Amino acid sequence: MLLRDPACAVATALPAQLRDFPEWHRGRARYALWMLAVEDAALLTHIRRLQAALADLLHPTGARQPHLTLFVCGFPAEHAVHDDDFPGERLEAQCAALRAAPGTVCELPIGAPDAFASAAILPVADPQQRLARWRAQLAACSAEIRQQAYCPHITLGLFREAWPVELIRKRLAALPQSAPHLPVQRLTHATYAANDLFGALQAERSIELTPG
């Protein structure tokens, strides 16, 4: 549940731990996802301004680029050993499914700044069900590695302390409430170093959308 929802009963933020998580990656080097990269200059400027305004509440984002996670794949692997491994044939099947019906270039509306218990975010709307359709195409080829319900968003940063939720709500309400739309021209399959919480996203594949 988002923190600005009056029904949210969370009292404090959940601070991120800045450490390696060997119990999660089990020595595997990369983690994979499908994403929508934020490349629009106006939206990037808006995101940077919000991050600067919340800098005292958040961990620095390091090299991690602003993006919307579309689908979490898991750890690339030649063969599936663990339940969160992602063999290459699943990626090939996902790419084929998306290329068969990629959809058209579009823009997605972005909501007012909000937060999960662990992170400040910009919610992203899906009024024409484009995200839902792409996710269904991907899920038909591989189960998603996900612990919580999907909520499309752009992460602004992870909280560094257990801040009171009322403080976070006041800070979010003081920020600009409108944002540029998110232009979407391609779907990107990317990986990042599993031992780096804020490591850069490395594009591995891209599916270009057709002109609208």
N, C-alpha and C. Protein backbone atom coordinates (compact mmCIF):
# COMPACT_ATOMS: atom_id res chain seq x y z
N MET A 1 0.84 -1.20 0.00
CA MET A 1 0.00 0.00 0.00
C MET A 1 0.89 1.25 0.00
N LEU A 2 0.45 2.27 -0.73
CA LEU A 2 1.20 3.51 -0.78
C LEU A 2 0.99 4.33 0.49
N LEU A 3 2.04 5.02 0.91
CA LEU A 3 2.00 5.71 2.21
C LEU A 3 1.03 6.89 2.23
N ARG A 4 0.77 7.49 1.07
CA ARG A 4 -0.16 8.62 1.06
C ARG A 4 -1.63 8.18 1.09
N ASP A 5 -1.87 6.90 1.02
CA ASP A 5 -3.22 6.37 1.17
C ASP A 5 -3.63 6.52 2.64
N PRO A 6 -4.74 7.21 2.93
CA PRO A 6 -5.15 7.39 4.33
C PRO A 6 -5.35 6.07 5.07
N ALA A 7 -5.63 4.99 4.33
CA ALA A 7 -5.85 3.70 4.97
C ALA A 7 -4.56 3.00 5.36
N CYS A 8 -3.44 3.55 4.94
CA CYS A 8 -2.15 2.92 5.25
C CYS A 8 -1.85 3.07 6.73
N ALA A 9 -1.59 1.94 7.40
CA ALA A 9 -1.39 1.95 8.85
C ALA A 9 0.08 1.83 9.24
N VAL A 10 0.98 1.88 8.28
CA VAL A 10 2.41 1.79 8.58
C VAL A 10 2.83 3.02 9.39
N ALA A 11 3.63 2.83 10.42
CA ALA A 11 4.03 3.94 11.28
C ALA A 11 5.36 4.57 10.88
N THR A 12 6.28 3.74 10.41
CA THR A 12 7.61 4.24 10.05
C THR A 12 8.08 3.58 8.76
N ALA A 13 9.04 4.24 8.12
CA ALA A 13 9.66 3.68 6.93
C ALA A 13 10.52 2.47 7.29
N LEU A 14 10.78 1.64 6.29
CA LEU A 14 11.67 0.50 6.45
C LEU A 14 13.01 0.85 5.80
N PRO A 15 14.03 1.15 6.59
CA PRO A 15 15.31 1.57 6.00
C PRO A 15 16.00 0.43 5.26
N ALA A 16 16.64 0.77 4.16
CA ALA A 16 17.38 -0.22 3.38
C ALA A 16 18.71 -0.53 4.03
N GLN A 17 19.09 -1.79 4.00
CA GLN A 17 20.40 -2.20 4.49
C GLN A 17 21.40 -2.14 3.34
N LEU A 18 22.48 -1.40 3.54
CA LEU A 18 23.50 -1.29 2.50
C LEU A 18 24.54 -2.38 2.72
N ARG A 19 24.26 -3.55 2.16
CA ARG A 19 25.19 -4.67 2.31
C ARG A 19 24.99 -5.62 1.14
N ASP A 20 25.93 -6.53 1.00
CA ASP A 20 25.76 -7.63 0.07
C ASP A 20 24.72 -8.59 0.66
N PHE A 21 24.00 -9.31 -0.21
CA PHE A 21 23.00 -10.26 0.24
C PHE A 21 23.33 -11.64 -0.33
N PRO A 22 24.40 -12.29 0.18
CA PRO A 22 24.80 -13.59 -0.38
C PRO A 22 23.74 -14.67 -0.22
N GLU A 23 22.91 -14.56 0.80
CA GLU A 23 21.87 -15.55 0.99
C GLU A 23 20.81 -15.48 -0.11
N TRP A 24 20.77 -14.33 -0.80
CA TRP A 24 19.85 -14.15 -1.92
C TRP A 24 20.50 -14.56 -3.24
N HIS A 25 21.68 -13.98 -3.55
CA HIS A 25 22.26 -14.26 -4.88
C HIS A 25 23.04 -15.58 -4.94
N ARG A 26 23.46 -16.12 -3.78
CA ARG A 26 24.12 -17.42 -3.73
C ARG A 26 25.26 -17.54 -4.75
N GLY A 27 26.03 -16.45 -4.86
CA GLY A 27 27.19 -16.44 -5.72
C GLY A 27 26.91 -16.16 -7.18
N ARG A 28 25.67 -15.98 -7.55
CA ARG A 28 25.33 -15.67 -8.93
C ARG A 28 25.58 -14.20 -9.21
N ALA A 29 26.12 -13.88 -10.38
CA ALA A 29 26.69 -12.56 -10.62
C ALA A 29 25.68 -11.50 -11.04
N ARG A 30 24.70 -11.86 -11.87
CA ARG A 30 23.82 -10.85 -12.47
C ARG A 30 22.36 -11.18 -12.18
N TYR A 31 21.54 -10.14 -12.17
CA TYR A 31 20.10 -10.28 -12.00
C TYR A 31 19.43 -9.60 -13.18
N ALA A 32 18.31 -10.15 -13.66
CA ALA A 32 17.72 -9.69 -14.92
C ALA A 32 16.28 -9.23 -14.75
N LEU A 33 15.90 -8.26 -15.57
CA LEU A 33 14.54 -7.73 -15.57
C LEU A 33 14.24 -7.12 -16.93
N TRP A 34 12.97 -6.95 -17.20
CA TRP A 34 12.51 -6.11 -18.31
C TRP A 34 12.13 -4.75 -17.73
N MET A 35 12.47 -3.70 -18.45
CA MET A 35 12.21 -2.36 -17.92
C MET A 35 11.86 -1.39 -19.03
N LEU A 36 11.33 -0.25 -18.62
CA LEU A 36 11.17 0.91 -19.48
C LEU A 36 12.16 1.95 -18.97
N ALA A 37 13.17 2.24 -19.76
CA ALA A 37 14.18 3.22 -19.35
C ALA A 37 13.60 4.62 -19.43
N VAL A 38 13.94 5.46 -18.46
CA VAL A 38 13.56 6.87 -18.50
C VAL A 38 14.64 7.61 -19.27
N GLU A 39 14.30 8.11 -20.46
CA GLU A 39 15.25 8.79 -21.32
C GLU A 39 14.84 10.21 -21.65
N ASP A 40 13.61 10.57 -21.34
CA ASP A 40 13.09 11.90 -21.64
C ASP A 40 13.76 12.94 -20.75
N ALA A 41 14.31 14.00 -21.36
CA ALA A 41 15.08 14.99 -20.61
C ALA A 41 14.22 15.71 -19.56
N ALA A 42 12.99 16.06 -19.92
CA ALA A 42 12.14 16.78 -18.96
C ALA A 42 11.80 15.90 -17.77
N LEU A 43 11.51 14.64 -18.01
CA LEU A 43 11.18 13.74 -16.91
C LEU A 43 12.41 13.45 -16.05
N LEU A 44 13.56 13.29 -16.67
CA LEU A 44 14.79 13.09 -15.90
C LEU A 44 15.08 14.28 -15.00
N THR A 45 14.87 15.49 -15.53
CA THR A 45 15.08 16.70 -14.72
C THR A 45 14.12 16.72 -13.54
N HIS A 46 12.86 16.36 -13.78
CA HIS A 46 11.87 16.32 -12.71
C HIS A 46 12.28 15.32 -11.63
N ILE A 47 12.72 14.15 -12.04
CA ILE A 47 13.14 13.12 -11.09
C ILE A 47 14.32 13.61 -10.26
N ARG A 48 15.31 14.20 -10.89
CA ARG A 48 16.49 14.68 -10.17
C ARG A 48 16.12 15.76 -9.16
N ARG A 49 15.17 16.62 -9.51
CA ARG A 49 14.74 17.67 -8.57
C ARG A 49 14.05 17.05 -7.35
N LEU A 50 13.22 16.06 -7.57
CA LEU A 50 12.55 15.40 -6.45
C LEU A 50 13.57 14.67 -5.58
N GLN A 51 14.53 14.01 -6.20
CA GLN A 51 15.56 13.31 -5.43
C GLN A 51 16.38 14.28 -4.59
N ALA A 52 16.69 15.44 -5.15
CA ALA A 52 17.44 16.44 -4.40
C ALA A 52 16.63 16.96 -3.22
N ALA A 53 15.33 17.14 -3.42
CA ALA A 53 14.48 17.65 -2.34
C ALA A 53 14.32 16.64 -1.21
N LEU A 54 14.46 15.35 -1.53
CA LEU A 54 14.31 14.29 -0.51
C LEU A 54 15.65 13.69 -0.10
N ALA A 55 16.74 14.32 -0.49
CA ALA A 55 18.07 13.71 -0.32
C ALA A 55 18.38 13.36 1.14
N ASP A 56 17.88 14.15 2.08
CA ASP A 56 18.19 13.86 3.49
C ASP A 56 17.45 12.62 4.01
N LEU A 57 16.43 12.16 3.29
CA LEU A 57 15.68 10.98 3.71
C LEU A 57 16.15 9.70 3.02
N LEU A 58 16.87 9.85 1.91
CA LEU A 58 17.13 8.71 1.03
C LEU A 58 18.61 8.36 0.95
N HIS A 59 18.89 7.11 0.66
CA HIS A 59 20.25 6.71 0.28
C HIS A 59 20.55 7.29 -1.10
N PRO A 60 21.77 7.70 -1.38
CA PRO A 60 22.13 8.08 -2.75
C PRO A 60 21.87 6.91 -3.70
N THR A 61 21.43 7.23 -4.92
CA THR A 61 21.04 6.18 -5.87
C THR A 61 22.22 5.57 -6.61
N GLY A 62 23.41 6.10 -6.42
CA GLY A 62 24.58 5.53 -7.08
C GLY A 62 24.46 5.58 -8.58
N ALA A 63 24.78 4.47 -9.23
CA ALA A 63 24.78 4.42 -10.70
C ALA A 63 23.45 3.93 -11.27
N ARG A 64 22.49 3.60 -10.41
CA ARG A 64 21.22 3.04 -10.90
C ARG A 64 20.41 4.11 -11.65
N GLN A 65 20.10 3.84 -12.91
CA GLN A 65 19.37 4.79 -13.73
C GLN A 65 17.86 4.76 -13.42
N PRO A 66 17.18 5.90 -13.55
CA PRO A 66 15.74 5.90 -13.38
C PRO A 66 15.08 4.98 -14.42
N HIS A 67 14.10 4.19 -13.98
CA HIS A 67 13.45 3.25 -14.88
C HIS A 67 12.15 2.78 -14.24
N LEU A 68 11.32 2.17 -15.05
CA LEU A 68 10.13 1.48 -14.56
C LEU A 68 10.35 0.00 -14.78
N THR A 69 10.31 -0.79 -13.72
CA THR A 69 10.44 -2.23 -13.85
C THR A 69 9.14 -2.79 -14.43
N LEU A 70 9.28 -3.50 -15.54
CA LEU A 70 8.13 -4.10 -16.21
C LEU A 70 7.90 -5.54 -15.74
N PHE A 71 8.99 -6.31 -15.60
CA PHE A 71 8.88 -7.73 -15.28
C PHE A 71 10.20 -8.20 -14.71
N VAL A 72 10.16 -8.88 -13.56
CA VAL A 72 11.38 -9.37 -12.92
C VAL A 72 11.64 -10.80 -13.38
N CYS A 73 12.81 -11.05 -13.97
CA CYS A 73 13.11 -12.35 -14.57
C CYS A 73 13.82 -13.30 -13.61
N GLY A 74 14.86 -12.83 -12.93
CA GLY A 74 15.65 -13.69 -12.06
C GLY A 74 17.11 -13.69 -12.47
N PHE A 75 17.84 -14.71 -12.06
CA PHE A 75 19.27 -14.80 -12.33
C PHE A 75 19.52 -15.55 -13.64
N PRO A 76 20.13 -14.90 -14.64
CA PRO A 76 20.44 -15.60 -15.89
C PRO A 76 21.27 -16.85 -15.60
N ALA A 77 20.89 -17.96 -16.26
CA ALA A 77 21.55 -19.24 -16.00
C ALA A 77 21.46 -20.11 -17.24
N GLU A 78 22.44 -20.96 -17.41
CA GLU A 78 22.40 -21.91 -18.53
C GLU A 78 21.29 -22.93 -18.30
N HIS A 79 21.17 -23.40 -17.08
CA HIS A 79 20.12 -24.34 -16.71
C HIS A 79 19.52 -23.90 -15.37
N ALA A 80 18.23 -24.13 -15.20
CA ALA A 80 17.56 -23.76 -13.94
C ALA A 80 17.91 -24.75 -12.85
N VAL A 81 18.56 -24.25 -11.81
CA VAL A 81 18.87 -25.05 -10.62
C VAL A 81 18.03 -24.56 -9.45
N HIS A 82 18.04 -23.25 -9.24
CA HIS A 82 17.23 -22.63 -8.19
C HIS A 82 15.92 -22.12 -8.79
N ASP A 83 14.93 -21.89 -7.92
CA ASP A 83 13.63 -21.45 -8.43
C ASP A 83 13.63 -20.03 -8.96
N ASP A 84 14.70 -19.28 -8.72
CA ASP A 84 14.80 -17.93 -9.27
C ASP A 84 15.87 -17.83 -10.37
N ASP A 85 16.28 -18.96 -10.94
CA ASP A 85 17.15 -18.95 -12.11
C ASP A 85 16.32 -18.63 -13.35
N PHE A 86 16.97 -18.06 -14.36
CA PHE A 86 16.29 -17.63 -15.58
C PHE A 86 17.09 -18.12 -16.78
N PRO A 87 16.80 -19.34 -17.26
CA PRO A 87 17.55 -19.90 -18.38
C PRO A 87 17.36 -19.09 -19.67
N GLY A 88 18.36 -19.19 -20.56
CA GLY A 88 18.35 -18.41 -21.78
C GLY A 88 17.17 -18.69 -22.68
N GLU A 89 16.65 -19.92 -22.68
CA GLU A 89 15.53 -20.22 -23.57
C GLU A 89 14.27 -19.46 -23.17
N ARG A 90 14.15 -19.12 -21.89
CA ARG A 90 13.00 -18.31 -21.48
C ARG A 90 13.10 -16.89 -22.01
N LEU A 91 14.31 -16.35 -22.00
CA LEU A 91 14.51 -15.02 -22.57
C LEU A 91 14.19 -15.03 -24.06
N GLU A 92 14.67 -16.05 -24.79
CA GLU A 92 14.41 -16.12 -26.22
C GLU A 92 12.91 -16.21 -26.48
N ALA A 93 12.20 -16.96 -25.66
CA ALA A 93 10.75 -17.08 -25.82
C ALA A 93 10.06 -15.74 -25.54
N GLN A 94 10.51 -15.04 -24.53
CA GLN A 94 9.92 -13.73 -24.23
C GLN A 94 10.17 -12.74 -25.37
N CYS A 95 11.38 -12.71 -25.89
CA CYS A 95 11.70 -11.80 -26.99
C CYS A 95 10.83 -12.12 -28.20
N ALA A 96 10.66 -13.40 -28.52
CA ALA A 96 9.83 -13.79 -29.66
C ALA A 96 8.38 -13.36 -29.46
N ALA A 97 7.88 -13.51 -28.24
CA ALA A 97 6.50 -13.12 -27.95
C ALA A 97 6.30 -11.61 -28.10
N LEU A 98 7.26 -10.84 -27.63
CA LEU A 98 7.14 -9.39 -27.73
C LEU A 98 7.30 -8.92 -29.17
N ARG A 99 8.21 -9.53 -29.91
CA ARG A 99 8.40 -9.13 -31.31
C ARG A 99 7.17 -9.45 -32.15
N ALA A 100 6.46 -10.51 -31.80
CA ALA A 100 5.27 -10.89 -32.56
C ALA A 100 4.15 -9.86 -32.41
N ALA A 101 4.10 -9.18 -31.29
CA ALA A 101 3.06 -8.16 -31.04
C ALA A 101 3.60 -7.12 -30.09
N PRO A 102 4.51 -6.25 -30.60
CA PRO A 102 5.20 -5.34 -29.68
C PRO A 102 4.35 -4.18 -29.16
N GLY A 103 3.31 -3.82 -29.89
CA GLY A 103 2.56 -2.64 -29.50
C GLY A 103 3.17 -1.38 -30.08
N THR A 104 2.56 -0.26 -29.80
CA THR A 104 2.98 1.00 -30.39
C THR A 104 3.64 1.93 -29.37
N VAL A 105 4.40 2.86 -29.90
CA VAL A 105 4.99 3.92 -29.07
C VAL A 105 3.87 4.62 -28.30
N CYS A 106 4.12 4.96 -27.05
CA CYS A 106 3.08 5.56 -26.23
C CYS A 106 3.69 6.44 -25.15
N GLU A 107 2.82 7.09 -24.39
CA GLU A 107 3.22 7.85 -23.21
C GLU A 107 2.36 7.41 -22.04
N LEU A 108 2.99 7.22 -20.88
CA LEU A 108 2.27 6.79 -19.69
C LEU A 108 2.20 7.94 -18.68
N PRO A 109 1.02 8.20 -18.12
CA PRO A 109 0.87 9.27 -17.13
C PRO A 109 1.58 8.93 -15.82
N ILE A 110 2.13 9.95 -15.19
CA ILE A 110 2.83 9.78 -13.92
C ILE A 110 2.09 10.55 -12.84
N GLY A 111 1.91 9.93 -11.70
CA GLY A 111 1.18 10.55 -10.61
C GLY A 111 2.04 11.39 -9.70
N ALA A 112 1.42 11.89 -8.64
CA ALA A 112 2.13 12.69 -7.64
C ALA A 112 3.10 11.83 -6.85
N PRO A 113 4.18 12.41 -6.34
CA PRO A 113 5.14 11.62 -5.55
C PRO A 113 4.46 10.90 -4.40
N ASP A 114 4.88 9.66 -4.19
CA ASP A 114 4.32 8.82 -3.14
C ASP A 114 5.43 7.92 -2.62
N ALA A 115 5.09 6.91 -1.87
CA ALA A 115 6.13 6.04 -1.31
C ALA A 115 5.55 4.70 -0.92
N PHE A 116 6.38 3.67 -0.99
CA PHE A 116 6.16 2.42 -0.28
C PHE A 116 6.81 2.59 1.09
N ALA A 117 6.70 1.61 1.93
CA ALA A 117 7.37 1.69 3.23
C ALA A 117 8.88 1.78 3.08
N SER A 118 9.40 1.24 1.98
CA SER A 118 10.85 1.17 1.80
C SER A 118 11.44 2.21 0.87
N ALA A 119 10.60 2.90 0.07
CA ALA A 119 11.15 3.75 -1.00
C ALA A 119 10.19 4.86 -1.39
N ALA A 120 10.75 6.01 -1.73
CA ALA A 120 9.98 7.08 -2.34
C ALA A 120 9.87 6.79 -3.84
N ILE A 121 8.69 7.05 -4.41
CA ILE A 121 8.45 6.65 -5.80
C ILE A 121 7.62 7.70 -6.54
N LEU A 122 7.55 7.53 -7.86
CA LEU A 122 6.56 8.18 -8.70
C LEU A 122 5.66 7.09 -9.26
N PRO A 123 4.38 7.05 -8.90
CA PRO A 123 3.48 6.03 -9.47
C PRO A 123 3.27 6.30 -10.96
N VAL A 124 3.12 5.24 -11.73
CA VAL A 124 2.88 5.33 -13.17
C VAL A 124 1.57 4.64 -13.49
N ALA A 125 0.70 5.33 -14.22
CA ALA A 125 -0.61 4.79 -14.56
C ALA A 125 -0.55 4.00 -15.87
N ASP A 126 -1.52 3.13 -16.05
CA ASP A 126 -1.59 2.27 -17.24
C ASP A 126 -3.01 2.30 -17.80
N PRO A 127 -3.49 3.47 -18.23
CA PRO A 127 -4.91 3.60 -18.59
C PRO A 127 -5.33 2.75 -19.77
N GLN A 128 -4.42 2.45 -20.68
CA GLN A 128 -4.76 1.63 -21.85
C GLN A 128 -4.30 0.19 -21.71
N GLN A 129 -3.86 -0.18 -20.49
CA GLN A 129 -3.47 -1.57 -20.19
C GLN A 129 -2.29 -2.05 -21.04
N ARG A 130 -1.41 -1.13 -21.40
CA ARG A 130 -0.23 -1.53 -22.18
C ARG A 130 0.74 -2.34 -21.31
N LEU A 131 1.00 -1.84 -20.09
CA LEU A 131 1.89 -2.59 -19.20
C LEU A 131 1.32 -3.97 -18.90
N ALA A 132 0.03 -4.02 -18.67
CA ALA A 132 -0.62 -5.30 -18.37
C ALA A 132 -0.47 -6.27 -19.54
N ARG A 133 -0.59 -5.77 -20.76
CA ARG A 133 -0.48 -6.64 -21.93
C ARG A 133 0.94 -7.16 -22.10
N TRP A 134 1.93 -6.28 -21.95
CA TRP A 134 3.33 -6.72 -22.07
C TRP A 134 3.67 -7.72 -20.97
N ARG A 135 3.18 -7.48 -19.77
CA ARG A 135 3.46 -8.39 -18.67
C ARG A 135 2.83 -9.76 -18.93
N ALA A 136 1.65 -9.78 -19.52
CA ALA A 136 1.01 -11.05 -19.83
C ALA A 136 1.81 -11.81 -20.89
N GLN A 137 2.34 -11.10 -21.88
CA GLN A 137 3.17 -11.75 -22.89
C GLN A 137 4.42 -12.36 -22.27
N LEU A 138 5.04 -11.64 -21.36
CA LEU A 138 6.26 -12.13 -20.71
C LEU A 138 5.94 -13.29 -19.77
N ALA A 139 4.85 -13.17 -19.03
CA ALA A 139 4.49 -14.21 -18.06
C ALA A 139 4.10 -15.52 -18.73
N ALA A 140 3.65 -15.45 -20.00
CA ALA A 140 3.30 -16.67 -20.73
C ALA A 140 4.53 -17.52 -21.02
N CYS A 141 5.72 -16.92 -20.93
CA CYS A 141 6.96 -17.64 -21.23
C CYS A 141 7.78 -17.98 -20.00
N SER A 142 7.52 -17.29 -18.89
CA SER A 142 8.31 -17.52 -17.67
C SER A 142 7.58 -16.91 -16.49
N ALA A 143 7.53 -17.63 -15.39
CA ALA A 143 6.92 -17.08 -14.17
C ALA A 143 7.75 -15.92 -13.65
N GLU A 144 7.08 -14.88 -13.19
CA GLU A 144 7.81 -13.73 -12.66
C GLU A 144 8.29 -14.02 -11.24
N ILE A 145 9.48 -13.50 -10.91
CA ILE A 145 10.02 -13.58 -9.56
C ILE A 145 9.51 -12.35 -8.81
N ARG A 146 8.45 -12.52 -8.04
CA ARG A 146 7.82 -11.35 -7.39
C ARG A 146 7.21 -11.79 -6.07
N GLN A 147 7.45 -10.99 -5.03
CA GLN A 147 6.89 -11.28 -3.71
C GLN A 147 5.66 -10.44 -3.40
N GLN A 148 5.48 -9.33 -4.10
CA GLN A 148 4.36 -8.42 -3.84
C GLN A 148 3.63 -8.13 -5.13
N ALA A 149 2.40 -7.65 -5.01
CA ALA A 149 1.61 -7.30 -6.19
C ALA A 149 2.32 -6.22 -7.01
N TYR A 150 2.17 -6.31 -8.32
CA TYR A 150 2.83 -5.35 -9.21
C TYR A 150 2.19 -3.97 -9.09
N CYS A 151 3.01 -2.97 -8.89
CA CYS A 151 2.56 -1.57 -8.83
C CYS A 151 3.55 -0.76 -9.66
N PRO A 152 3.20 -0.37 -10.88
CA PRO A 152 4.17 0.32 -11.74
C PRO A 152 4.61 1.65 -11.14
N HIS A 153 5.92 1.87 -11.14
CA HIS A 153 6.45 3.08 -10.52
C HIS A 153 7.88 3.32 -10.98
N ILE A 154 8.35 4.52 -10.75
CA ILE A 154 9.76 4.89 -10.89
C ILE A 154 10.28 5.17 -9.49
N THR A 155 11.32 4.46 -9.09
CA THR A 155 11.86 4.64 -7.75
C THR A 155 12.70 5.93 -7.68
N LEU A 156 12.42 6.75 -6.68
CA LEU A 156 13.22 7.95 -6.43
C LEU A 156 14.40 7.64 -5.52
N GLY A 157 14.22 6.72 -4.59
CA GLY A 157 15.30 6.36 -3.68
C GLY A 157 14.78 5.51 -2.53
N LEU A 158 15.70 4.81 -1.87
CA LEU A 158 15.38 3.98 -0.72
C LEU A 158 15.60 4.76 0.57
N PHE A 159 14.72 4.59 1.53
CA PHE A 159 14.84 5.31 2.80
C PHE A 159 16.06 4.82 3.58
N ARG A 160 16.76 5.76 4.20
CA ARG A 160 17.97 5.38 4.92
C ARG A 160 17.76 5.28 6.43
N GLU A 161 16.62 5.73 6.92
CA GLU A 161 16.29 5.57 8.34
C GLU A 161 14.80 5.29 8.48
N ALA A 162 14.39 4.88 9.68
CA ALA A 162 12.98 4.57 9.95
C ALA A 162 12.22 5.87 10.23
N TRP A 163 12.09 6.68 9.20
CA TRP A 163 11.41 7.97 9.35
C TRP A 163 9.93 7.76 9.68
N PRO A 164 9.34 8.63 10.52
CA PRO A 164 7.90 8.56 10.75
C PRO A 164 7.13 8.78 9.45
N VAL A 165 6.09 8.01 9.24
CA VAL A 165 5.32 8.12 8.00
C VAL A 165 4.69 9.50 7.86
N GLU A 166 4.27 10.10 8.96
CA GLU A 166 3.67 11.44 8.85
C GLU A 166 4.68 12.46 8.33
N LEU A 167 5.94 12.32 8.72
CA LEU A 167 6.98 13.19 8.19
C LEU A 167 7.13 12.97 6.68
N ILE A 168 7.14 11.73 6.26
CA ILE A 168 7.28 11.42 4.83
C ILE A 168 6.10 11.99 4.04
N ARG A 169 4.90 11.83 4.58
CA ARG A 169 3.71 12.35 3.89
C ARG A 169 3.79 13.87 3.71
N LYS A 170 4.23 14.57 4.75
CA LYS A 170 4.33 16.03 4.66
C LYS A 170 5.38 16.44 3.63
N ARG A 171 6.50 15.72 3.60
CA ARG A 171 7.55 16.04 2.64
C ARG A 171 7.08 15.77 1.20
N LEU A 172 6.38 14.67 1.01
CA LEU A 172 5.88 14.36 -0.33
C LEU A 172 4.84 15.38 -0.79
N ALA A 173 3.98 15.81 0.12
CA ALA A 173 2.94 16.77 -0.23
C ALA A 173 3.51 18.12 -0.60
N ALA A 174 4.71 18.43 -0.13
CA ALA A 174 5.34 19.72 -0.42
C ALA A 174 6.06 19.73 -1.77
N LEU A 175 6.16 18.59 -2.41
CA LEU A 175 6.85 18.49 -3.70
C LEU A 175 5.91 18.84 -4.85
N PRO A 176 6.44 19.17 -6.02
CA PRO A 176 5.58 19.35 -7.21
C PRO A 176 4.74 18.10 -7.43
N GLN A 177 3.45 18.28 -7.66
CA GLN A 177 2.53 17.15 -7.74
C GLN A 177 2.29 16.66 -9.17
N SER A 178 2.62 17.47 -10.15
CA SER A 178 2.45 17.06 -11.54
C SER A 178 3.80 16.73 -12.15
N ALA A 179 3.79 15.86 -13.17
CA ALA A 179 5.04 15.41 -13.77
C ALA A 179 4.84 15.22 -15.27
N PRO A 180 5.92 15.31 -16.03
CA PRO A 180 5.82 14.95 -17.45
C PRO A 180 5.44 13.49 -17.60
N HIS A 181 4.85 13.14 -18.75
CA HIS A 181 4.55 11.74 -19.02
C HIS A 181 5.84 10.97 -19.28
N LEU A 182 5.74 9.64 -19.20
CA LEU A 182 6.86 8.76 -19.52
C LEU A 182 6.71 8.28 -20.96
N PRO A 183 7.53 8.78 -21.90
CA PRO A 183 7.47 8.27 -23.27
C PRO A 183 8.07 6.87 -23.33
N VAL A 184 7.42 5.97 -24.06
CA VAL A 184 7.89 4.60 -24.18
C VAL A 184 8.08 4.28 -25.66
N GLN A 185 9.32 4.04 -26.06
CA GLN A 185 9.62 3.70 -27.44
C GLN A 185 10.17 2.29 -27.59
N ARG A 186 10.60 1.69 -26.48
CA ARG A 186 11.17 0.34 -26.54
C ARG A 186 11.03 -0.34 -25.18
N LEU A 187 11.08 -1.65 -25.20
CA LEU A 187 11.12 -2.46 -24.00
C LEU A 187 12.54 -3.01 -23.89
N THR A 188 13.15 -2.87 -22.73
CA THR A 188 14.56 -3.22 -22.57
C THR A 188 14.72 -4.35 -21.57
N HIS A 189 15.46 -5.38 -21.99
CA HIS A 189 15.88 -6.43 -21.06
C HIS A 189 17.26 -6.04 -20.55
N ALA A 190 17.41 -5.96 -19.23
CA ALA A 190 18.64 -5.46 -18.63
C ALA A 190 19.06 -6.34 -17.47
N THR A 191 20.33 -6.24 -17.11
CA THR A 191 20.84 -6.93 -15.93
C THR A 191 21.63 -5.95 -15.07
N TYR A 192 21.84 -6.34 -13.81
CA TYR A 192 22.70 -5.55 -12.93
C TYR A 192 23.46 -6.50 -12.01
N ALA A 193 24.56 -6.00 -11.44
CA ALA A 193 25.38 -6.82 -10.56
C ALA A 193 24.59 -7.14 -9.30
N ALA A 194 24.46 -8.42 -8.99
CA ALA A 194 23.62 -8.85 -7.88
C ALA A 194 24.17 -8.45 -6.52
N ASN A 195 25.45 -8.12 -6.43
CA ASN A 195 26.04 -7.74 -5.15
C ASN A 195 26.11 -6.24 -4.95
N ASP A 196 25.46 -5.47 -5.84
CA ASP A 196 25.50 -4.01 -5.77
C ASP A 196 24.07 -3.47 -5.76
N LEU A 197 23.63 -3.00 -4.61
CA LEU A 197 22.25 -2.54 -4.44
C LEU A 197 21.89 -1.40 -5.38
N PHE A 198 22.88 -0.59 -5.75
CA PHE A 198 22.63 0.57 -6.62
C PHE A 198 23.46 0.50 -7.90
N GLY A 199 23.78 -0.72 -8.35
CA GLY A 199 24.59 -0.87 -9.55
C GLY A 199 23.87 -0.44 -10.81
N ALA A 200 24.64 -0.07 -11.81
CA ALA A 200 24.08 0.38 -13.08
C ALA A 200 23.34 -0.75 -13.79
N LEU A 201 22.29 -0.39 -14.51
CA LEU A 201 21.56 -1.33 -15.34
C LEU A 201 22.25 -1.43 -16.70
N GLN A 202 22.51 -2.64 -17.13
CA GLN A 202 23.16 -2.88 -18.41
C GLN A 202 22.15 -3.46 -19.39
N ALA A 203 21.85 -2.72 -20.46
CA ALA A 203 20.89 -3.19 -21.46
C ALA A 203 21.46 -4.39 -22.20
N GLU A 204 20.67 -5.45 -22.30
CA GLU A 204 21.09 -6.68 -22.98
C GLU A 204 20.32 -6.90 -24.29
N ARG A 205 19.05 -6.59 -24.29
CA ARG A 205 18.19 -6.73 -25.47
C ARG A 205 17.22 -5.55 -25.48
N SER A 206 16.67 -5.23 -26.64
CA SER A 206 15.61 -4.23 -26.71
C SER A 206 14.62 -4.61 -27.78
N ILE A 207 13.37 -4.35 -27.51
CA ILE A 207 12.28 -4.57 -28.44
C ILE A 207 11.70 -3.21 -28.81
N GLU A 208 11.88 -2.82 -30.05
CA GLU A 208 11.40 -1.51 -30.49
C GLU A 208 9.88 -1.57 -30.72
N LEU A 209 9.18 -0.56 -30.26
CA LEU A 209 7.75 -0.45 -30.50
C LEU A 209 7.49 0.18 -31.86
N THR A 210 6.35 -0.10 -32.43
CA THR A 210 6.02 0.44 -33.73
C THR A 210 5.51 1.87 -33.59
N PRO A 211 5.69 2.72 -34.62
CA PRO A 211 5.18 4.09 -34.53
C PRO A 211 3.67 4.11 -34.32
N GLY A 212 3.22 5.07 -33.53
CA GLY A 212 1.80 5.15 -33.24
C GLY A 212 1.01 5.72 -34.40
